[in-house]
Amino acid sequence: MRAEVADVPHFSAHADGGQIIDWRTAPAPHTAYLVHGEETASETLRDRIDRELGWTAVVPEPGEAVLVR
């Protein structure tokens, strides 16, 4: 497996929506998967990420598998 380890200072896994949007200095991912939190809050954040950052964001269905390359 080839991987790169990157240190992302000032990022919390417990960030709120505003903090996540402010993280726009990170390179845009191909797709962002929102897998933490209530479904309606995740869907709202997905729409905000799309609208404000222009990133593709997905709220996977329970049990959905995603191949990451």
C-alpha atoms as a PDB file:
ATOM      1  CA  MET A   1       0.000   0.000   0.000  1.00  0.00           C
ATOM      2  CA  ARG A   2       1.317   3.439  -0.854  1.00  0.00           C
ATOM      3  CA  ALA A   3       0.280   6.231   1.466  1.00  0.00           C
ATOM      4  CA  GLU A   4       1.340   9.692   2.461  1.00  0.00           C
ATOM      5  CA  VAL A   5       1.083  10.885   6.039  1.00  0.00           C
ATOM      6  CA  ALA A   6       0.242  14.567   6.383  1.00  0.00           C
ATOM      7  CA  ASP A   7       0.098  16.693   9.510  1.00  0.00           C
ATOM      8  CA  VAL A   8      -2.942  18.961   9.418  1.00  0.00           C
ATOM      9  CA  PRO A   9      -2.551  21.400  12.309  1.00  0.00           C
ATOM     10  CA  HIS A  10      -5.563  23.027  13.928  1.00  0.00           C
ATOM     11  CA  PHE A  11      -8.076  20.471  12.690  1.00  0.00           C
ATOM     12  CA  SER A  12     -10.402  18.754  15.112  1.00  0.00           C
ATOM     13  CA  ALA A  13     -12.470  15.688  14.376  1.00  0.00           C
ATOM     14  CA  HIS A  14     -15.094  17.431  16.488  1.00  0.00           C
ATOM     15  CA  ALA A  15     -15.269  20.597  14.406  1.00  0.00           C
ATOM     16  CA  ASP A  16     -18.645  22.166  13.772  1.00  0.00           C
ATOM     17  CA  GLY A  17     -19.952  23.068  10.320  1.00  0.00           C
ATOM     18  CA  GLY A  18     -18.428  26.554  10.346  1.00  0.00           C
ATOM     19  CA  GLN A  19     -15.013  25.218  11.306  1.00  0.00           C
ATOM     20  CA  ILE A  20     -15.181  22.613   8.563  1.00  0.00           C
ATOM     21  CA  ILE A  21     -16.071  25.259   5.972  1.00  0.00           C
ATOM     22  CA  ASP A  22     -13.197  27.439   7.240  1.00  0.00           C
ATOM     23  CA  TRP A  23     -10.856  24.514   6.535  1.00  0.00           C
ATOM     24  CA  ARG A  24     -10.992  25.526   2.865  1.00  0.00           C
ATOM     25  CA  THR A  25      -7.204  25.997   2.820  1.00  0.00           C
ATOM     26  CA  ALA A  26      -6.914  22.218   2.474  1.00  0.00           C
ATOM     27  CA  PRO A  27      -6.706  20.840  -1.065  1.00  0.00           C
ATOM     28  CA  ALA A  28     -10.147  19.992  -2.410  1.00  0.00           C
ATOM     29  CA  PRO A  29     -10.850  16.264  -2.093  1.00  0.00           C
ATOM     30  CA  HIS A  30     -12.284  14.320  -4.995  1.00  0.00           C
ATOM     31  CA  THR A  31     -15.213  13.438  -2.724  1.00  0.00           C
ATOM     32  CA  ALA A  32     -15.848  14.176   0.951  1.00  0.00           C
ATOM     33  CA  TYR A  33     -17.791  11.486   2.817  1.00  0.00           C
ATOM     34  CA  LEU A  34     -19.754  12.742   5.814  1.00  0.00           C
ATOM     35  CA  VAL A  35     -19.976   9.789   8.188  1.00  0.00           C
ATOM     36  CA  HIS A  36     -20.359  11.379  11.620  1.00  0.00           C
ATOM     37  CA  GLY A  37     -23.441  12.973  13.124  1.00  0.00           C
ATOM     38  CA  GLU A  38     -27.195  12.924  12.679  1.00  0.00           C
ATOM     39  CA  GLU A  39     -28.409  12.276   9.149  1.00  0.00           C
ATOM     40  CA  THR A  40     -30.249  15.587   8.743  1.00  0.00           C
ATOM     41  CA  ALA A  41     -27.269  17.577  10.071  1.00  0.00           C
ATOM     42  CA  SER A  42     -24.947  15.664   7.719  1.00  0.00           C
ATOM     43  CA  GLU A  43     -27.229  16.396   4.773  1.00  0.00           C
ATOM     44  CA  THR A  44     -27.305  20.098   5.677  1.00  0.00           C
ATOM     45  CA  LEU A  45     -23.510  20.165   5.897  1.00  0.00           C
ATOM     46  CA  ARG A  46     -23.250  18.283   2.590  1.00  0.00           C
ATOM     47  CA  ASP A  47     -25.343  20.966   0.893  1.00  0.00           C
ATOM     48  CA  ARG A  48     -23.304  23.744   2.520  1.00  0.00           C
ATOM     49  CA  ILE A  49     -19.997  22.171   1.415  1.00  0.00           C
ATOM     50  CA  ASP A  50     -21.335  21.962  -2.135  1.00  0.00           C
ATOM     51  CA  ARG A  51     -22.678  25.527  -2.103  1.00  0.00           C
ATOM     52  CA  GLU A  52     -19.793  27.303  -0.345  1.00  0.00           C
ATOM     53  CA  LEU A  53     -16.775  25.246  -1.395  1.00  0.00           C
ATOM     54  CA  GLY A  54     -17.916  23.649  -4.641  1.00  0.00           C
ATOM     55  CA  TRP A  55     -16.756  20.239  -3.355  1.00  0.00           C
ATOM     56  CA  THR A  56     -18.580  16.986  -3.930  1.00  0.00           C
ATOM     57  CA  ALA A  57     -19.831  15.722  -0.576  1.00  0.00           C
ATOM     58  CA  VAL A  58     -21.770  12.544   0.084  1.00  0.00           C
ATOM     59  CA  VAL A  59     -23.744  11.220   3.047  1.00  0.00           C
ATOM     60  CA  PRO A  60     -23.467   7.444   2.551  1.00  0.00           C
ATOM     61  CA  GLU A  61     -26.406   5.172   3.297  1.00  0.00           C
ATOM     62  CA  PRO A  62     -26.048   2.861   6.328  1.00  0.00           C
ATOM     63  CA  GLY A  63     -24.015  -0.177   5.279  1.00  0.00           C
ATOM     64  CA  GLU A  64     -22.888   1.426   2.019  1.00  0.00           C
ATOM     65  CA  ALA A  65     -19.345   0.466   0.971  1.00  0.00           C
ATOM     66  CA  VAL A  66     -17.039   2.926  -0.778  1.00  0.00           C
ATOM     67  CA  LEU A  67     -13.860   2.033  -2.647  1.00  0.00           C
ATOM     68  CA  VAL A  68     -11.223   4.716  -2.069  1.00  0.00           C
ATOM     69  CA  ARG A  69      -8.390   4.815  -4.579  1.00  0.00           C
END
